[in-house]
Amino acid sequence: MASGLLLGGLYALAAFGLSIVWGVLNILNIAHGEFLMLGALVAYGIYALQGINPFLIVLIIIPIFLLFSLLFEKILIRPMRGETETEALVASILVTLGGALIIEDVTAFLWGKSFTGIPYSMGSIHMGEVVIPTLRLLILGFILVLTLLIHFYLKRSYTGMAIRAITQNRTGADIIGVNTIRISMITFVIGTSLAAIAGVFYVVLYSMNPYMGLPLSVKYMCIVILGGLGSLIGSFAGGLILGVTEGLVGYYLSPDWSPTVAYFALVTILLVRPQGLFGRR
């Protein structure tokens, strides 16, 4: 259960980034999972060279991926502005899928087809017969704090209010003077940087490979639909539900069945509540 909660927290952190990008830009970034993979790879490299605490590596990762996501947005995403919503959505799927495949192949060529996780560990907390690794508990706490900070930022800041306005009605946001181009760029940078941050903690706990990005992107899409597009609470709840369910299915049935959980959840929520748990119709 504890492992499922932690995995769900990592899912939620990255999935919310995809959610706000999808909601604000009407762009479905299939390469979103690649940012988690690249964040993990960069974190692994920094740790291997300098042995820095993974929590401090997050501070180094943020400016690196702010720049990388700006370049990605300028080269691949920005040219799609001005298209109709349907054209932009279809084009974004094709363009970012191509970008994801390029990132995977270049990464595999330069670093190989697999790399281990960061060998960083701390002590454990014993609660009767239950043993909880301190590192996993700290990572989950960090994710919760970061989620709350993002929540208050989006609730209280001008950028957050502008993001909500664009999500609800882009034309109306233009009319009241919101700089939709600038806010869209900021949204994309925030969203992809969250995936990179999740990658730092992912590589502390799990092994990685260059081809894991696309399957993760599919899981994030399932979480976004499950929780509701643009909802931070929905993404967090959806991520936890998926992580815990995967953990329970893997424990009681077989780990081979865990990847199918996201697809069953997707089909179920589309049939029962298409707008998601916390979304609006």
C-alpha atoms as a PDB file:
ATOM      1  CA  MET A   1       0.000   0.000   0.000  1.00  0.00           C
ATOM      2  CA  ALA A   2       2.767   2.467   0.972  1.00  0.00           C
ATOM      3  CA  SER A   3       4.658   1.704  -2.242  1.00  0.00           C
ATOM      4  CA  GLY A   4       1.456   2.231  -4.247  1.00  0.00           C
ATOM      5  CA  LEU A   5       0.845   5.603  -2.594  1.00  0.00           C
ATOM      6  CA  LEU A   6       4.353   6.753  -3.430  1.00  0.00           C
ATOM      7  CA  LEU A   7       4.093   5.575  -7.035  1.00  0.00           C
ATOM      8  CA  GLY A   8       0.702   7.273  -7.248  1.00  0.00           C
ATOM      9  CA  GLY A   9       2.211  10.510  -5.964  1.00  0.00           C
ATOM     10  CA  LEU A  10       4.856  10.409  -8.699  1.00  0.00           C
ATOM     11  CA  TYR A  11       2.145   9.699 -11.271  1.00  0.00           C
ATOM     12  CA  ALA A  12       0.047  12.595  -9.976  1.00  0.00           C
ATOM     13  CA  LEU A  13       2.908  15.100 -10.039  1.00  0.00           C
ATOM     14  CA  ALA A  14       3.712  14.414 -13.684  1.00  0.00           C
ATOM     15  CA  ALA A  15       0.078  13.935 -14.742  1.00  0.00           C
ATOM     16  CA  PHE A  16      -0.964  17.368 -13.492  1.00  0.00           C
ATOM     17  CA  GLY A  17       1.664  18.905 -15.754  1.00  0.00           C
ATOM     18  CA  LEU A  18       0.079  17.149 -18.724  1.00  0.00           C
ATOM     19  CA  SER A  19      -3.371  18.167 -17.507  1.00  0.00           C
ATOM     20  CA  ILE A  20      -2.750  21.910 -17.444  1.00  0.00           C
ATOM     21  CA  VAL A  21      -0.896  21.847 -20.780  1.00  0.00           C
ATOM     22  CA  TRP A  22      -3.774  19.941 -22.354  1.00  0.00           C
ATOM     23  CA  GLY A  23      -6.377  22.214 -20.774  1.00  0.00           C
ATOM     24  CA  VAL A  24      -4.723  25.568 -21.545  1.00  0.00           C
ATOM     25  CA  LEU A  25      -2.983  24.975 -24.878  1.00  0.00           C
ATOM     26  CA  ASN A  26      -5.378  22.319 -26.226  1.00  0.00           C
ATOM     27  CA  ILE A  27      -2.159  20.415 -26.912  1.00  0.00           C
ATOM     28  CA  LEU A  28      -1.820  16.724 -26.142  1.00  0.00           C
ATOM     29  CA  ASN A  29       1.889  16.317 -25.490  1.00  0.00           C
ATOM     30  CA  ILE A  30       2.664  12.658 -26.174  1.00  0.00           C
ATOM     31  CA  ALA A  31       6.298  13.395 -25.282  1.00  0.00           C
ATOM     32  CA  HIS A  32       5.365  14.333 -21.707  1.00  0.00           C
ATOM     33  CA  GLY A  33       6.688  11.045 -20.320  1.00  0.00           C
ATOM     34  CA  GLU A  34      10.020  11.702 -22.024  1.00  0.00           C
ATOM     35  CA  PHE A  35      10.549  14.700 -19.762  1.00  0.00           C
ATOM     36  CA  LEU A  36      10.297  12.389 -16.752  1.00  0.00           C
ATOM     37  CA  MET A  37      12.773  10.014 -18.380  1.00  0.00           C
ATOM     38  CA  LEU A  38      15.187  12.836 -19.210  1.00  0.00           C
ATOM     39  CA  GLY A  39      14.824  14.310 -15.720  1.00  0.00           C
ATOM     40  CA  ALA A  40      15.726  10.912 -14.309  1.00  0.00           C
ATOM     41  CA  LEU A  41      18.698  10.578 -16.655  1.00  0.00           C
ATOM     42  CA  VAL A  42      20.084  14.023 -15.809  1.00  0.00           C
ATOM     43  CA  ALA A  43      19.602  13.347 -12.081  1.00  0.00           C
ATOM     44  CA  TYR A  44      21.410  10.027 -12.430  1.00  0.00           C
ATOM     45  CA  GLY A  45      24.307  11.744 -14.205  1.00  0.00           C
ATOM     46  CA  ILE A  46      24.591  14.492 -11.584  1.00  0.00           C
ATOM     47  CA  TYR A  47      24.543  11.953  -8.759  1.00  0.00           C
ATOM     48  CA  ALA A  48      27.129   9.748 -10.488  1.00  0.00           C
ATOM     49  CA  LEU A  49      29.491  12.697 -10.998  1.00  0.00           C
ATOM     50  CA  GLN A  50      28.994  14.646  -7.771  1.00  0.00           C
ATOM     51  CA  GLY A  51      27.103  12.414  -5.333  1.00  0.00           C
ATOM     52  CA  ILE A  52      24.652  15.208  -4.514  1.00  0.00           C
ATOM     53  CA  ASN A  53      21.585  14.506  -2.368  1.00  0.00           C
ATOM     54  CA  PRO A  54      18.614  13.813  -4.692  1.00  0.00           C
ATOM     55  CA  PHE A  55      16.510  16.475  -2.938  1.00  0.00           C
ATOM     56  CA  LEU A  56      19.167  19.048  -3.861  1.00  0.00           C
ATOM     57  CA  ILE A  57      19.371  17.712  -7.413  1.00  0.00           C
ATOM     58  CA  VAL A  58      15.785  18.946  -7.843  1.00  0.00           C
ATOM     59  CA  LEU A  59      17.073  22.521  -7.522  1.00  0.00           C
ATOM     60  CA  ILE A  60      19.555  21.866 -10.330  1.00  0.00           C
ATOM     61  CA  ILE A  61      17.018  20.088 -12.519  1.00  0.00           C
ATOM     62  CA  ILE A  62      14.506  22.961 -12.497  1.00  0.00           C
ATOM     63  CA  PRO A  63      16.559  25.593 -14.424  1.00  0.00           C
ATOM     64  CA  ILE A  64      17.863  22.953 -16.851  1.00  0.00           C
ATOM     65  CA  PHE A  65      14.365  21.861 -17.826  1.00  0.00           C
ATOM     66  CA  LEU A  66      12.975  25.368 -17.830  1.00  0.00           C
ATOM     67  CA  LEU A  67      15.397  26.053 -20.684  1.00  0.00           C
ATOM     68  CA  PHE A  68      14.820  22.706 -22.412  1.00  0.00           C
ATOM     69  CA  SER A  69      11.034  23.024 -22.252  1.00  0.00           C
ATOM     70  CA  LEU A  70      11.237  26.584 -23.619  1.00  0.00           C
ATOM     71  CA  LEU A  71      13.184  25.298 -26.629  1.00  0.00           C
ATOM     72  CA  PHE A  72      10.769  22.377 -27.077  1.00  0.00           C
ATOM     73  CA  GLU A  73       7.786  24.736 -26.932  1.00  0.00           C
ATOM     74  CA  LYS A  74       9.318  27.230 -29.347  1.00  0.00           C
ATOM     75  CA  ILE A  75      10.394  24.651 -31.939  1.00  0.00           C
ATOM     76  CA  LEU A  76       7.537  22.120 -31.844  1.00  0.00           C
ATOM     77  CA  ILE A  77       4.520  23.634 -30.066  1.00  0.00           C
ATOM     78  CA  ARG A  78       4.453  27.324 -30.993  1.00  0.00           C
ATOM     79  CA  PRO A  79       4.120  26.774 -34.787  1.00  0.00           C
ATOM     80  CA  MET A  80       0.738  25.119 -34.147  1.00  0.00           C
ATOM     81  CA  ARG A  81      -0.780  28.306 -32.758  1.00  0.00           C
ATOM     82  CA  GLY A  82      -3.395  29.820 -34.979  1.00  0.00           C
ATOM     83  CA  GLU A  83      -4.772  26.470 -36.064  1.00  0.00           C
ATOM     84  CA  THR A  84      -8.320  25.467 -35.203  1.00  0.00           C
ATOM     85  CA  GLU A  85      -8.756  23.492 -31.983  1.00  0.00           C
ATOM     86  CA  THR A  86      -9.219  20.199 -33.810  1.00  0.00           C
ATOM     87  CA  GLU A  87      -6.274  20.786 -36.142  1.00  0.00           C
ATOM     88  CA  ALA A  88      -4.037  21.838 -33.243  1.00  0.00           C
ATOM     89  CA  LEU A  89      -4.974  18.786 -31.189  1.00  0.00           C
ATOM     90  CA  VAL A  90      -4.352  16.337 -34.043  1.00  0.00           C
ATOM     91  CA  ALA A  91      -1.135  18.097 -35.062  1.00  0.00           C
ATOM     92  CA  SER A  92       0.144  18.093 -31.479  1.00  0.00           C
ATOM     93  CA  ILE A  93      -0.327  14.328 -31.196  1.00  0.00           C
ATOM     94  CA  LEU A  94       1.651  13.695 -34.390  1.00  0.00           C
ATOM     95  CA  VAL A  95       4.376  16.267 -33.723  1.00  0.00           C
ATOM     96  CA  THR A  96       5.011  15.368 -30.085  1.00  0.00           C
ATOM     97  CA  LEU A  97       4.907  11.645 -30.919  1.00  0.00           C
ATOM     98  CA  GLY A  98       7.689  12.275 -33.425  1.00  0.00           C
ATOM     99  CA  GLY A  99       9.556  14.304 -30.814  1.00  0.00           C
ATOM    100  CA  ALA A 100       9.184  11.480 -28.287  1.00  0.00           C
ATOM    101  CA  LEU A 101      10.578   8.901 -30.713  1.00  0.00           C
ATOM    102  CA  ILE A 102      13.549  11.143 -31.515  1.00  0.00           C
ATOM    103  CA  ILE A 103      14.293  11.693 -27.826  1.00  0.00           C
ATOM    104  CA  GLU A 104      14.094   7.953 -27.130  1.00  0.00           C
ATOM    105  CA  ASP A 105      16.371   6.959 -29.998  1.00  0.00           C
ATOM    106  CA  VAL A 106      18.977   9.656 -29.289  1.00  0.00           C
ATOM    107  CA  THR A 107      18.995   8.776 -25.587  1.00  0.00           C
ATOM    108  CA  ALA A 108      19.378   5.059 -26.315  1.00  0.00           C
ATOM    109  CA  PHE A 109      22.199   5.774 -28.777  1.00  0.00           C
ATOM    110  CA  LEU A 110      24.143   7.997 -26.382  1.00  0.00           C
ATOM    111  CA  TRP A 111      23.562   6.238 -23.050  1.00  0.00           C
ATOM    112  CA  GLY A 112      22.521   2.694 -23.897  1.00  0.00           C
ATOM    113  CA  LYS A 113      19.220   0.889 -23.582  1.00  0.00           C
ATOM    114  CA  SER A 114      19.032   0.831 -19.788  1.00  0.00           C
ATOM    115  CA  PHE A 115      20.525   2.466 -16.737  1.00  0.00           C
ATOM    116  CA  THR A 116      20.117   1.663 -13.078  1.00  0.00           C
ATOM    117  CA  GLY A 117      18.529   3.840 -10.446  1.00  0.00           C
ATOM    118  CA  ILE A 118      20.378   6.114  -8.032  1.00  0.00           C
ATOM    119  CA  PRO A 119      21.822   3.952  -5.227  1.00  0.00           C
ATOM    120  CA  TYR A 120      20.699   6.309  -2.471  1.00  0.00           C
ATOM    121  CA  SER A 121      19.140   5.004   0.715  1.00  0.00           C
ATOM    122  CA  MET A 122      18.304   6.078   4.256  1.00  0.00           C
ATOM    123  CA  GLY A 123      17.136   4.258   7.353  1.00  0.00           C
ATOM    124  CA  SER A 124      13.699   2.804   8.021  1.00  0.00           C
ATOM    125  CA  ILE A 125      10.898   3.570  10.454  1.00  0.00           C
ATOM    126  CA  HIS A 126       9.568   0.533  12.333  1.00  0.00           C
ATOM    127  CA  MET A 127       5.912   0.622  13.379  1.00  0.00           C
ATOM    128  CA  GLY A 128       5.300  -2.795  14.889  1.00  0.00           C
ATOM    129  CA  GLU A 129       5.564  -5.280  12.043  1.00  0.00           C
ATOM    130  CA  VAL A 130       5.403  -2.520   9.430  1.00  0.00           C
ATOM    131  CA  VAL A 131       8.716  -1.204   8.086  1.00  0.00           C
ATOM    132  CA  ILE A 132       8.571   2.080   6.161  1.00  0.00           C
ATOM    133  CA  PRO A 133      11.737   3.259   4.351  1.00  0.00           C
ATOM    134  CA  THR A 134      12.504   6.817   5.441  1.00  0.00           C
ATOM    135  CA  LEU A 135      13.482   7.860   1.913  1.00  0.00           C
ATOM    136  CA  ARG A 136      10.107   6.825   0.486  1.00  0.00           C
ATOM    137  CA  LEU A 137       8.310   8.681   3.271  1.00  0.00           C
ATOM    138  CA  LEU A 138      10.321  11.858   2.664  1.00  0.00           C
ATOM    139  CA  ILE A 139       9.701  11.713  -1.071  1.00  0.00           C
ATOM    140  CA  LEU A 140       5.957  11.322  -0.524  1.00  0.00           C
ATOM    141  CA  GLY A 141       6.035  14.252   1.921  1.00  0.00           C
ATOM    142  CA  PHE A 142       7.950  16.373  -0.600  1.00  0.00           C
ATOM    143  CA  ILE A 143       5.389  15.582  -3.300  1.00  0.00           C
ATOM    144  CA  LEU A 144       2.536  16.563  -0.972  1.00  0.00           C
ATOM    145  CA  VAL A 145       4.216  19.864  -0.063  1.00  0.00           C
ATOM    146  CA  LEU A 146       4.985  20.634  -3.705  1.00  0.00           C
ATOM    147  CA  THR A 147       1.382  19.840  -4.658  1.00  0.00           C
ATOM    148  CA  LEU A 148       0.094  22.250  -2.010  1.00  0.00           C
ATOM    149  CA  LEU A 149       2.495  24.970  -3.172  1.00  0.00           C
ATOM    150  CA  ILE A 150       1.315  24.554  -6.764  1.00  0.00           C
ATOM    151  CA  HIS A 151      -2.299  24.617  -5.597  1.00  0.00           C
ATOM    152  CA  PHE A 152      -1.875  27.918  -3.726  1.00  0.00           C
ATOM    153  CA  TYR A 153       0.171  29.395  -6.574  1.00  0.00           C
ATOM    154  CA  LEU A 154      -2.552  28.634  -9.087  1.00  0.00           C
ATOM    155  CA  LYS A 155      -5.233  29.903  -6.710  1.00  0.00           C
ATOM    156  CA  ARG A 156      -3.571  33.161  -5.632  1.00  0.00           C
ATOM    157  CA  SER A 157      -1.296  34.317  -8.469  1.00  0.00           C
ATOM    158  CA  TYR A 158      -2.201  36.207 -11.625  1.00  0.00           C
ATOM    159  CA  THR A 159      -0.713  33.405 -13.700  1.00  0.00           C
ATOM    160  CA  GLY A 160      -2.940  30.875 -11.953  1.00  0.00           C
ATOM    161  CA  MET A 161      -6.055  32.987 -12.500  1.00  0.00           C
ATOM    162  CA  ALA A 162      -5.099  33.483 -16.152  1.00  0.00           C
ATOM    163  CA  ILE A 163      -4.596  29.732 -16.590  1.00  0.00           C
ATOM    164  CA  ARG A 164      -8.057  29.059 -15.159  1.00  0.00           C
ATOM    165  CA  ALA A 165      -9.577  31.739 -17.386  1.00  0.00           C
ATOM    166  CA  ILE A 166      -8.005  30.273 -20.534  1.00  0.00           C
ATOM    167  CA  THR A 167      -9.061  26.757 -19.546  1.00  0.00           C
ATOM    168  CA  GLN A 168     -12.683  27.875 -19.115  1.00  0.00           C
ATOM    169  CA  ASN A 169     -12.922  30.155 -22.162  1.00  0.00           C
ATOM    170  CA  ARG A 170      -9.916  31.094 -24.274  1.00  0.00           C
ATOM    171  CA  THR A 171     -11.802  33.665 -26.344  1.00  0.00           C
ATOM    172  CA  GLY A 172     -13.148  35.306 -23.198  1.00  0.00           C
ATOM    173  CA  ALA A 173      -9.633  35.428 -21.739  1.00  0.00           C
ATOM    174  CA  ASP A 174      -8.409  37.228 -24.870  1.00  0.00           C
ATOM    175  CA  ILE A 175     -11.239  39.746 -24.570  1.00  0.00           C
ATOM    176  CA  ILE A 176     -10.453  40.663 -20.959  1.00  0.00           C
ATOM    177  CA  GLY A 177      -6.785  41.236 -21.815  1.00  0.00           C
ATOM    178  CA  VAL A 178      -5.047  38.013 -20.802  1.00  0.00           C
ATOM    179  CA  ASN A 179      -1.801  37.503 -22.737  1.00  0.00           C
ATOM    180  CA  THR A 180      -2.721  33.992 -23.827  1.00  0.00           C
ATOM    181  CA  ILE A 181       0.511  33.435 -25.766  1.00  0.00           C
ATOM    182  CA  ARG A 182       2.696  34.230 -22.769  1.00  0.00           C
ATOM    183  CA  ILE A 183       0.511  32.300 -20.320  1.00  0.00           C
ATOM    184  CA  SER A 184       0.479  29.305 -22.661  1.00  0.00           C
ATOM    185  CA  MET A 185       4.281  29.306 -22.756  1.00  0.00           C
ATOM    186  CA  ILE A 186       4.515  29.556 -18.952  1.00  0.00           C
ATOM    187  CA  THR A 187       1.981  26.754 -18.597  1.00  0.00           C
ATOM    188  CA  PHE A 188       3.965  24.460 -20.873  1.00  0.00           C
ATOM    189  CA  VAL A 189       7.182  25.178 -18.981  1.00  0.00           C
ATOM    190  CA  ILE A 190       5.549  24.506 -15.609  1.00  0.00           C
ATOM    191  CA  GLY A 191       3.880  21.321 -16.834  1.00  0.00           C
ATOM    192  CA  THR A 192       6.970  19.737 -18.334  1.00  0.00           C
ATOM    193  CA  SER A 193       9.179  20.799 -15.421  1.00  0.00           C
ATOM    194  CA  LEU A 194       6.858  18.939 -13.024  1.00  0.00           C
ATOM    195  CA  ALA A 195       7.452  15.776 -15.047  1.00  0.00           C
ATOM    196  CA  ALA A 196      11.222  16.294 -14.826  1.00  0.00           C
ATOM    197  CA  ILE A 197      11.010  16.761 -11.038  1.00  0.00           C
ATOM    198  CA  ALA A 198       9.023  13.535 -10.771  1.00  0.00           C
ATOM    199  CA  GLY A 199      11.797  11.873 -12.771  1.00  0.00           C
ATOM    200  CA  VAL A 200      14.373  12.735 -10.105  1.00  0.00           C
ATOM    201  CA  PHE A 201      12.472  10.770  -7.480  1.00  0.00           C
ATOM    202  CA  TYR A 202      11.509   8.031  -9.919  1.00  0.00           C
ATOM    203  CA  VAL A 203      15.153   7.175 -10.590  1.00  0.00           C
ATOM    204  CA  VAL A 204      15.857   7.076  -6.843  1.00  0.00           C
ATOM    205  CA  LEU A 205      13.305   4.287  -6.454  1.00  0.00           C
ATOM    206  CA  TYR A 206      13.210   2.450  -9.779  1.00  0.00           C
ATOM    207  CA  SER A 207      15.477   1.523 -12.666  1.00  0.00           C
ATOM    208  CA  MET A 208      15.019   3.422 -15.912  1.00  0.00           C
ATOM    209  CA  ASN A 209      15.287   2.902 -19.651  1.00  0.00           C
ATOM    210  CA  PRO A 210      15.080   5.292 -22.633  1.00  0.00           C
ATOM    211  CA  TYR A 211      11.841   3.738 -23.920  1.00  0.00           C
ATOM    212  CA  MET A 212       9.693   4.167 -20.821  1.00  0.00           C
ATOM    213  CA  GLY A 213       8.383   7.623 -21.756  1.00  0.00           C
ATOM    214  CA  LEU A 214       5.524   6.694 -24.101  1.00  0.00           C
ATOM    215  CA  PRO A 215       3.940   4.103 -21.758  1.00  0.00           C
ATOM    216  CA  LEU A 216       4.105   6.695 -18.974  1.00  0.00           C
ATOM    217  CA  SER A 217       2.448   9.307 -21.184  1.00  0.00           C
ATOM    218  CA  VAL A 218      -0.446   6.918 -21.759  1.00  0.00           C
ATOM    219  CA  LYS A 219      -0.806   6.420 -17.996  1.00  0.00           C
ATOM    220  CA  TYR A 220      -0.781  10.182 -17.457  1.00  0.00           C
ATOM    221  CA  MET A 221      -3.556  10.618 -20.023  1.00  0.00           C
ATOM    222  CA  CYS A 222      -5.587   8.006 -18.176  1.00  0.00           C
ATOM    223  CA  ILE A 223      -5.022   9.839 -14.875  1.00  0.00           C
ATOM    224  CA  VAL A 224      -6.013  13.196 -16.409  1.00  0.00           C
ATOM    225  CA  ILE A 225      -9.241  11.739 -17.792  1.00  0.00           C
ATOM    226  CA  LEU A 226      -9.882   9.890 -14.536  1.00  0.00           C
ATOM    227  CA  GLY A 227      -9.411  12.976 -12.357  1.00  0.00           C
ATOM    228  CA  GLY A 228     -10.796  15.621 -14.708  1.00  0.00           C
ATOM    229  CA  LEU A 229      -8.977  17.888 -17.156  1.00  0.00           C
ATOM    230  CA  GLY A 230      -7.182  20.808 -15.492  1.00  0.00           C
ATOM    231  CA  SER A 231      -7.938  19.702 -11.929  1.00  0.00           C
ATOM    232  CA  LEU A 232      -4.974  19.507  -9.529  1.00  0.00           C
ATOM    233  CA  ILE A 233      -7.040  17.622  -6.971  1.00  0.00           C
ATOM    234  CA  GLY A 234      -8.314  15.326  -9.694  1.00  0.00           C
ATOM    235  CA  SER A 235      -4.805  14.542 -10.948  1.00  0.00           C
ATOM    236  CA  PHE A 236      -3.592  13.887  -7.410  1.00  0.00           C
ATOM    237  CA  ALA A 237      -6.546  11.639  -6.623  1.00  0.00           C
ATOM    238  CA  GLY A 238      -6.308   9.866  -9.983  1.00  0.00           C
ATOM    239  CA  GLY A 239      -2.590   9.278  -9.539  1.00  0.00           C
ATOM    240  CA  LEU A 240      -3.048   7.829  -6.067  1.00  0.00           C
ATOM    241  CA  ILE A 241      -5.920   5.615  -7.214  1.00  0.00           C
ATOM    242  CA  LEU A 242      -3.876   4.266 -10.116  1.00  0.00           C
ATOM    243  CA  GLY A 243      -0.694   3.785  -8.056  1.00  0.00           C
ATOM    244  CA  VAL A 244      -2.430   1.972  -5.202  1.00  0.00           C
ATOM    245  CA  THR A 245      -4.510  -0.169  -7.579  1.00  0.00           C
ATOM    246  CA  GLU A 246      -1.412  -1.163  -9.554  1.00  0.00           C
ATOM    247  CA  GLY A 247       0.333  -2.102  -6.323  1.00  0.00           C
ATOM    248  CA  LEU A 248      -2.577  -4.214  -5.083  1.00  0.00           C
ATOM    249  CA  VAL A 249      -3.050  -5.935  -8.449  1.00  0.00           C
ATOM    250  CA  GLY A 250       0.656  -6.693  -8.658  1.00  0.00           C
ATOM    251  CA  TYR A 251       0.683  -8.095  -5.114  1.00  0.00           C
ATOM    252  CA  TYR A 252      -2.468 -10.201  -5.204  1.00  0.00           C
ATOM    253  CA  LEU A 253      -2.529 -11.229  -8.868  1.00  0.00           C
ATOM    254  CA  SER A 254       0.671 -10.690 -10.839  1.00  0.00           C
ATOM    255  CA  PRO A 255       2.949  -7.738 -11.716  1.00  0.00           C
ATOM    256  CA  ASP A 256       2.217  -8.533 -15.362  1.00  0.00           C
ATOM    257  CA  TRP A 257      -1.356  -7.338 -14.823  1.00  0.00           C
ATOM    258  CA  SER A 258      -0.398  -3.982 -13.287  1.00  0.00           C
ATOM    259  CA  PRO A 259       0.087  -2.083 -16.585  1.00  0.00           C
ATOM    260  CA  THR A 260      -3.465  -2.962 -17.667  1.00  0.00           C
ATOM    261  CA  VAL A 261      -5.018  -1.204 -14.662  1.00  0.00           C
ATOM    262  CA  ALA A 262      -4.791   2.223 -16.320  1.00  0.00           C
ATOM    263  CA  TYR A 263      -6.711   1.055 -19.381  1.00  0.00           C
ATOM    264  CA  PHE A 264      -9.468  -0.600 -17.350  1.00  0.00           C
ATOM    265  CA  ALA A 265      -9.776   2.601 -15.289  1.00  0.00           C
ATOM    266  CA  LEU A 266      -9.930   4.691 -18.469  1.00  0.00           C
ATOM    267  CA  VAL A 267     -12.706   2.637 -20.038  1.00  0.00           C
ATOM    268  CA  THR A 268     -14.671   2.556 -16.783  1.00  0.00           C
ATOM    269  CA  ILE A 269     -14.523   6.299 -16.159  1.00  0.00           C
ATOM    270  CA  LEU A 270     -15.463   7.088 -19.772  1.00  0.00           C
ATOM    271  CA  LEU A 271     -18.539   4.892 -19.443  1.00  0.00           C
ATOM    272  CA  VAL A 272     -19.604   6.039 -15.970  1.00  0.00           C
ATOM    273  CA  ARG A 273     -18.416   9.652 -15.656  1.00  0.00           C
ATOM    274  CA  PRO A 274     -16.833  11.028 -18.859  1.00  0.00           C
ATOM    275  CA  GLN A 275     -15.896  14.380 -17.272  1.00  0.00           C
ATOM    276  CA  GLY A 276     -13.780  12.632 -14.645  1.00  0.00           C
ATOM    277  CA  LEU A 277     -14.043  12.520 -10.870  1.00  0.00           C
ATOM    278  CA  PHE A 278     -13.496  16.260 -10.350  1.00  0.00           C
ATOM    279  CA  GLY A 279     -14.113  17.626 -13.851  1.00  0.00           C
ATOM    280  CA  ARG A 280     -17.101  19.489 -15.192  1.00  0.00           C
ATOM    281  CA  ARG A 281     -19.274  18.359 -18.019  1.00  0.00           C
END
